[in-house]
Amino acid sequence: MRTKSKLVVSKKYKRVTMQRVLVSKLLWDIEQFTSEDLLALLDNQLFLEDLASKNESFRKKFNTSLEDISNYLKAAKIRRIEDIPQVAEKFKKFIKIKLDKFIYPQRNYANQLREYRRYVEFRWSEPEGTLIKQLPPVKYIGKGYTDKGTARKDYLDGSPSWQEVATVEERR
């Protein structure tokens, strides 16, 4: 049975701040970038794009930054966590130029990273429910015993059976 991870972000923590911290981590602290951070980056990007499609003022404020991050993630084609350092090195100039106003400066990064660790966590859990292999077989109603035959019903018919007749001695 495989365990799964679930990203839990506190309602007190702003999602844009989370995205800024993760993109800054790609730039300033790539050695510490984990698979959980990658999952958080991708999940949060989808959340923010969905929010931008619904909220006009949010879209006006952050649309260019979100588009740039989305383009970066599409161009990077990250398939494994081991690919991140090579991809990040390739795109460092892109991040510095295009996302200059979006990322945190290096002097503020440590404090923001501390806040990120405080409000964002991953919970590893077992899958919910029961595996199909462990379910009992499906119950069904069968046809049952259909031989009506000549079965005796002693409560209806008081006549003796042939075995009783054969074993009784004649009393004369």
C-alpha atoms as a PDB file:
ATOM      1  CA  MET A   1       0.000   0.000   0.000  1.00  0.00           C
ATOM      2  CA  ARG A   2       1.446   3.350  -1.035  1.00  0.00           C
ATOM      3  CA  THR A   3       1.334   6.367   1.208  1.00  0.00           C
ATOM      4  CA  LYS A   4       0.455   9.722  -0.215  1.00  0.00           C
ATOM      5  CA  SER A   5       1.414  13.231   0.726  1.00  0.00           C
ATOM      6  CA  LYS A   6      -0.951  16.099   1.195  1.00  0.00           C
ATOM      7  CA  LEU A   7       0.006  19.747   1.135  1.00  0.00           C
ATOM      8  CA  VAL A   8      -1.571  21.689   4.000  1.00  0.00           C
ATOM      9  CA  VAL A   9      -1.329  25.487   3.894  1.00  0.00           C
ATOM     10  CA  SER A  10      -2.591  27.538   6.824  1.00  0.00           C
ATOM     11  CA  LYS A  11      -5.359  30.003   6.068  1.00  0.00           C
ATOM     12  CA  LYS A  12      -3.240  32.664   7.777  1.00  0.00           C
ATOM     13  CA  TYR A  13      -0.525  32.312   5.131  1.00  0.00           C
ATOM     14  CA  LYS A  14      -0.881  34.143   1.827  1.00  0.00           C
ATOM     15  CA  ARG A  15      -0.485  32.003  -1.260  1.00  0.00           C
ATOM     16  CA  VAL A  16       1.337  34.717  -3.210  1.00  0.00           C
ATOM     17  CA  THR A  17       3.888  34.963  -0.396  1.00  0.00           C
ATOM     18  CA  MET A  18       4.317  31.201  -0.571  1.00  0.00           C
ATOM     19  CA  GLN A  19       4.955  31.368  -4.309  1.00  0.00           C
ATOM     20  CA  ARG A  20       7.453  34.196  -3.873  1.00  0.00           C
ATOM     21  CA  VAL A  21       9.338  32.189  -1.235  1.00  0.00           C
ATOM     22  CA  LEU A  22       9.485  29.074  -3.418  1.00  0.00           C
ATOM     23  CA  VAL A  23      10.712  30.948  -6.491  1.00  0.00           C
ATOM     24  CA  SER A  24      13.252  32.754  -4.312  1.00  0.00           C
ATOM     25  CA  LYS A  25      14.370  29.386  -2.955  1.00  0.00           C
ATOM     26  CA  LEU A  26      15.013  28.261  -6.530  1.00  0.00           C
ATOM     27  CA  LEU A  27      17.302  31.238  -6.931  1.00  0.00           C
ATOM     28  CA  TRP A  28      19.010  31.611  -3.556  1.00  0.00           C
ATOM     29  CA  ASP A  29      18.966  28.145  -1.988  1.00  0.00           C
ATOM     30  CA  ILE A  30      18.753  25.516  -4.742  1.00  0.00           C
ATOM     31  CA  GLU A  31      20.661  22.865  -2.745  1.00  0.00           C
ATOM     32  CA  GLN A  32      17.869  22.816  -0.143  1.00  0.00           C
ATOM     33  CA  PHE A  33      15.054  22.615  -2.711  1.00  0.00           C
ATOM     34  CA  THR A  34      13.248  19.301  -2.081  1.00  0.00           C
ATOM     35  CA  SER A  35      10.586  17.288  -3.843  1.00  0.00           C
ATOM     36  CA  GLU A  36       8.077  18.649  -1.318  1.00  0.00           C
ATOM     37  CA  ASP A  37       9.009  22.189  -2.354  1.00  0.00           C
ATOM     38  CA  LEU A  38       8.515  21.257  -5.990  1.00  0.00           C
ATOM     39  CA  LEU A  39       5.103  19.790  -5.209  1.00  0.00           C
ATOM     40  CA  ALA A  40       4.194  22.936  -3.262  1.00  0.00           C
ATOM     41  CA  LEU A  41       5.385  25.169  -6.117  1.00  0.00           C
ATOM     42  CA  LEU A  42       3.335  23.355  -8.743  1.00  0.00           C
ATOM     43  CA  ASP A  43       0.231  22.994  -6.573  1.00  0.00           C
ATOM     44  CA  ASN A  44       0.328  26.624  -5.509  1.00  0.00           C
ATOM     45  CA  GLN A  45       0.842  27.776  -9.088  1.00  0.00           C
ATOM     46  CA  LEU A  46      -2.342  25.982 -10.127  1.00  0.00           C
ATOM     47  CA  PHE A  47      -4.191  27.487  -7.162  1.00  0.00           C
ATOM     48  CA  LEU A  48      -3.052  31.005  -8.036  1.00  0.00           C
ATOM     49  CA  GLU A  49      -3.896  30.624 -11.730  1.00  0.00           C
ATOM     50  CA  ASP A  50      -7.380  29.454 -10.758  1.00  0.00           C
ATOM     51  CA  LEU A  51      -7.728  32.439  -8.422  1.00  0.00           C
ATOM     52  CA  ALA A  52      -6.563  34.804 -11.178  1.00  0.00           C
ATOM     53  CA  SER A  53      -9.203  33.451 -13.553  1.00  0.00           C
ATOM     54  CA  LYS A  54     -11.930  34.226 -10.993  1.00  0.00           C
ATOM     55  CA  ASN A  55     -10.726  37.517  -9.483  1.00  0.00           C
ATOM     56  CA  GLU A  56     -10.183  40.513 -11.769  1.00  0.00           C
ATOM     57  CA  SER A  57      -8.207  42.671  -9.312  1.00  0.00           C
ATOM     58  CA  PHE A  58      -5.885  39.781  -8.436  1.00  0.00           C
ATOM     59  CA  ARG A  59      -5.300  39.169 -12.142  1.00  0.00           C
ATOM     60  CA  LYS A  60      -4.379  42.828 -12.729  1.00  0.00           C
ATOM     61  CA  LYS A  61      -1.896  42.791  -9.886  1.00  0.00           C
ATOM     62  CA  PHE A  62      -0.127  39.431 -10.387  1.00  0.00           C
ATOM     63  CA  ASN A  63      -0.943  38.169 -13.871  1.00  0.00           C
ATOM     64  CA  THR A  64       2.433  38.941 -15.475  1.00  0.00           C
ATOM     65  CA  SER A  65       4.393  37.305 -12.646  1.00  0.00           C
ATOM     66  CA  LEU A  66       2.169  34.233 -12.676  1.00  0.00           C
ATOM     67  CA  GLU A  67       2.486  33.946 -16.447  1.00  0.00           C
ATOM     68  CA  ASP A  68       6.275  34.207 -16.216  1.00  0.00           C
ATOM     69  CA  ILE A  69       6.422  31.483 -13.552  1.00  0.00           C
ATOM     70  CA  SER A  70       4.091  29.300 -15.583  1.00  0.00           C
ATOM     71  CA  ASN A  71       6.249  29.774 -18.680  1.00  0.00           C
ATOM     72  CA  TYR A  72       9.352  28.988 -16.630  1.00  0.00           C
ATOM     73  CA  LEU A  73       7.836  25.763 -15.289  1.00  0.00           C
ATOM     74  CA  LYS A  74       6.695  24.700 -18.753  1.00  0.00           C
ATOM     75  CA  ALA A  75      10.093  25.415 -20.297  1.00  0.00           C
ATOM     76  CA  ALA A  76      11.955  23.659 -17.480  1.00  0.00           C
ATOM     77  CA  LYS A  77      10.178  20.323 -18.042  1.00  0.00           C
ATOM     78  CA  ILE A  78      11.150  19.031 -14.610  1.00  0.00           C
ATOM     79  CA  ARG A  79      10.543  15.296 -14.430  1.00  0.00           C
ATOM     80  CA  ARG A  80      12.531  14.347 -11.315  1.00  0.00           C
ATOM     81  CA  ILE A  81      13.852  16.146  -8.272  1.00  0.00           C
ATOM     82  CA  GLU A  82      17.401  15.394  -9.448  1.00  0.00           C
ATOM     83  CA  ASP A  83      16.815  17.590 -12.530  1.00  0.00           C
ATOM     84  CA  ILE A  84      16.151  20.743 -10.520  1.00  0.00           C
ATOM     85  CA  PRO A  85      19.755  21.975  -9.948  1.00  0.00           C
ATOM     86  CA  GLN A  86      20.645  21.799 -13.652  1.00  0.00           C
ATOM     87  CA  VAL A  87      17.384  23.443 -14.689  1.00  0.00           C
ATOM     88  CA  ALA A  88      17.668  26.159 -12.035  1.00  0.00           C
ATOM     89  CA  GLU A  89      21.214  27.019 -13.109  1.00  0.00           C
ATOM     90  CA  LYS A  90      19.990  27.380 -16.665  1.00  0.00           C
ATOM     91  CA  PHE A  91      17.135  29.676 -15.681  1.00  0.00           C
ATOM     92  CA  LYS A  92      18.830  31.821 -12.996  1.00  0.00           C
ATOM     93  CA  LYS A  93      19.205  34.758 -15.369  1.00  0.00           C
ATOM     94  CA  PHE A  94      15.576  34.389 -16.434  1.00  0.00           C
ATOM     95  CA  ILE A  95      14.433  34.455 -12.791  1.00  0.00           C
ATOM     96  CA  LYS A  96      16.613  37.480 -11.946  1.00  0.00           C
ATOM     97  CA  ILE A  97      15.466  39.501 -14.971  1.00  0.00           C
ATOM     98  CA  LYS A  98      11.811  38.549 -15.431  1.00  0.00           C
ATOM     99  CA  LEU A  99      10.859  37.980 -11.797  1.00  0.00           C
ATOM    100  CA  ASP A 100      13.035  40.651 -10.211  1.00  0.00           C
ATOM    101  CA  LYS A 101      10.124  42.384  -8.480  1.00  0.00           C
ATOM    102  CA  PHE A 102       8.444  39.086  -7.532  1.00  0.00           C
ATOM    103  CA  ILE A 103      11.274  37.290  -5.730  1.00  0.00           C
ATOM    104  CA  TYR A 104      12.466  38.247  -2.267  1.00  0.00           C
ATOM    105  CA  PRO A 105      15.885  39.890  -1.923  1.00  0.00           C
ATOM    106  CA  GLN A 106      18.485  37.641  -0.354  1.00  0.00           C
ATOM    107  CA  ARG A 107      18.515  39.676   2.881  1.00  0.00           C
ATOM    108  CA  ASN A 108      14.757  39.058   3.435  1.00  0.00           C
ATOM    109  CA  TYR A 109      14.709  35.481   2.170  1.00  0.00           C
ATOM    110  CA  ALA A 110      15.688  33.761   5.463  1.00  0.00           C
ATOM    111  CA  ASN A 111      12.877  35.402   7.424  1.00  0.00           C
ATOM    112  CA  GLN A 112      10.296  34.549   4.756  1.00  0.00           C
ATOM    113  CA  LEU A 113      11.545  30.961   4.597  1.00  0.00           C
ATOM    114  CA  ARG A 114      11.030  30.673   8.352  1.00  0.00           C
ATOM    115  CA  GLU A 115       7.416  31.824   7.914  1.00  0.00           C
ATOM    116  CA  TYR A 116       6.940  29.350   5.070  1.00  0.00           C
ATOM    117  CA  ARG A 117       8.084  26.462   7.263  1.00  0.00           C
ATOM    118  CA  ARG A 118       5.775  27.636  10.019  1.00  0.00           C
ATOM    119  CA  TYR A 119       2.587  27.741   7.942  1.00  0.00           C
ATOM    120  CA  VAL A 120       3.100  25.052   5.284  1.00  0.00           C
ATOM    121  CA  GLU A 121       3.402  21.354   6.022  1.00  0.00           C
ATOM    122  CA  PHE A 122       3.182  18.026   4.293  1.00  0.00           C
ATOM    123  CA  ARG A 123       1.206  15.246   5.855  1.00  0.00           C
ATOM    124  CA  TRP A 124       1.936  11.700   4.816  1.00  0.00           C
ATOM    125  CA  SER A 125      -1.112   9.516   5.149  1.00  0.00           C
ATOM    126  CA  GLU A 126      -2.456   6.163   4.190  1.00  0.00           C
ATOM    127  CA  PRO A 127      -4.950   6.117   1.345  1.00  0.00           C
ATOM    128  CA  GLU A 128      -8.515   6.578   2.487  1.00  0.00           C
ATOM    129  CA  GLY A 129     -10.916   3.672   2.288  1.00  0.00           C
ATOM    130  CA  THR A 130     -10.295  -0.025   1.724  1.00  0.00           C
ATOM    131  CA  LEU A 131      -8.304  -1.546  -1.094  1.00  0.00           C
ATOM    132  CA  ILE A 132     -10.363  -3.414  -3.658  1.00  0.00           C
ATOM    133  CA  LYS A 133      -8.326  -6.568  -2.999  1.00  0.00           C
ATOM    134  CA  GLN A 134      -9.414  -6.506   0.648  1.00  0.00           C
ATOM    135  CA  LEU A 135     -13.143  -6.110   0.007  1.00  0.00           C
ATOM    136  CA  PRO A 136     -15.331  -9.206   0.582  1.00  0.00           C
ATOM    137  CA  PRO A 137     -16.877 -10.824  -2.476  1.00  0.00           C
ATOM    138  CA  VAL A 138     -20.116  -9.298  -3.695  1.00  0.00           C
ATOM    139  CA  LYS A 139     -23.142 -10.939  -2.107  1.00  0.00           C
ATOM    140  CA  TYR A 140     -25.891 -12.141  -4.373  1.00  0.00           C
ATOM    141  CA  ILE A 141     -29.162 -13.960  -3.941  1.00  0.00           C
ATOM    142  CA  GLY A 142     -28.992 -17.366  -5.576  1.00  0.00           C
ATOM    143  CA  LYS A 143     -31.797 -19.500  -6.925  1.00  0.00           C
ATOM    144  CA  GLY A 144     -31.774 -21.722  -3.899  1.00  0.00           C
ATOM    145  CA  TYR A 145     -33.070 -25.300  -3.494  1.00  0.00           C
ATOM    146  CA  THR A 146     -35.838 -25.842  -6.028  1.00  0.00           C
ATOM    147  CA  ASP A 147     -36.507 -29.624  -5.753  1.00  0.00           C
ATOM    148  CA  LYS A 148     -40.093 -29.849  -4.595  1.00  0.00           C
ATOM    149  CA  GLY A 149     -40.086 -33.639  -4.977  1.00  0.00           C
ATOM    150  CA  THR A 150     -42.049 -35.881  -2.641  1.00  0.00           C
ATOM    151  CA  ALA A 151     -40.714 -34.571   0.591  1.00  0.00           C
ATOM    152  CA  ARG A 152     -43.043 -35.518   3.429  1.00  0.00           C
ATOM    153  CA  LYS A 153     -44.685 -32.987   5.614  1.00  0.00           C
ATOM    154  CA  ASP A 154     -45.476 -34.882   8.790  1.00  0.00           C
ATOM    155  CA  TYR A 155     -47.345 -31.961  10.235  1.00  0.00           C
ATOM    156  CA  LEU A 156     -49.829 -32.201   7.324  1.00  0.00           C
ATOM    157  CA  ASP A 157     -49.890 -35.939   6.694  1.00  0.00           C
ATOM    158  CA  GLY A 158     -50.056 -38.278   9.695  1.00  0.00           C
ATOM    159  CA  SER A 159     -49.367 -41.489   7.755  1.00  0.00           C
ATOM    160  CA  PRO A 160     -46.245 -43.425   8.752  1.00  0.00           C
ATOM    161  CA  SER A 161     -43.196 -43.664   6.545  1.00  0.00           C
ATOM    162  CA  TRP A 162     -42.233 -46.958   4.888  1.00  0.00           C
ATOM    163  CA  GLN A 163     -39.325 -47.374   7.272  1.00  0.00           C
ATOM    164  CA  GLU A 164     -41.641 -47.230  10.233  1.00  0.00           C
ATOM    165  CA  VAL A 165     -44.015 -49.713   8.610  1.00  0.00           C
ATOM    166  CA  ALA A 166     -41.183 -52.131   7.813  1.00  0.00           C
ATOM    167  CA  THR A 167     -39.756 -52.195  11.321  1.00  0.00           C
ATOM    168  CA  VAL A 168     -42.971 -52.596  13.261  1.00  0.00           C
ATOM    169  CA  GLU A 169     -43.594 -56.218  14.251  1.00  0.00           C
ATOM    170  CA  GLU A 170     -46.947 -57.672  13.758  1.00  0.00           C
ATOM    171  CA  ARG A 171     -48.867 -57.865  16.964  1.00  0.00           C
ATOM    172  CA  ARG A 172     -51.442 -60.457  16.808  1.00  0.00           C
END
